[in-house]
């Protein structure tokens, strides 16, 4: 029996980019860019066979890209708080060979029919939560594996990621969200290694992490493109 086709959540490119100029890299959410709220934008999303979506830049596959910050070890200054950000690296045992040894500050993946809800905003949230629960264990409000308070944090994105310079990037749209937890750890330790890092250390982290190879298992690598966009704008990463 042939494998059943995979379906992913997409939106027409023209529904996302209503202006002539297509943003590149990380860009903040603005009503003028999308002609409405994030929830309004998602009303036009639908499921499409992935094989078709991967070959058709007319559609953008919606990818939750979740930055995980922690209150533990935060630094308080006079007018703000700085939270460490979870950084992880994909090992050569992971399925995506093109991402082997790459570093990332975002947890995310495709939204599938199993995430569907009658309210499209909660279809997005369901997909984001599934990705988080698959990759990480967390402590929220002192309770281990308590994800209950996280969905509400995913309803309002920080911004978006777009890179039409590559074939892969041209068919994906990253939706950047942020959640605040007490602690977090990798579940699939054979495929990922990670730890919390302060924002001011993010830019050089892939190089400095190699010094911890014997302890953490790091190998030489660099940030995947979406994470590099965010690191270049790390002032956007802190939860205020």
Foldseek 3Di string as FASTA:
>chain_A
DDDDFFKFKKAFPCQQAVDPDDDAAWDFDDCVRRVHAPLVSLVRIDIDGVVVLLQDLRMAGEKEWEWEWEPPPWDDDPPDIFTWTKKKAFDCVDPPNVRHLAMARTFIDTQGPVLDDPRSLSSVLSRRVVRDVQWKWFAAPNDTNDCPPPSVQFSHFRTKHAHCPDSRRSRHIYGYTYDYGHDMATDPLVTMWIDTDTLVCVVCVLVVCVVCCVPGVHDRYYHDRNRVSCSVVVVSVGDD
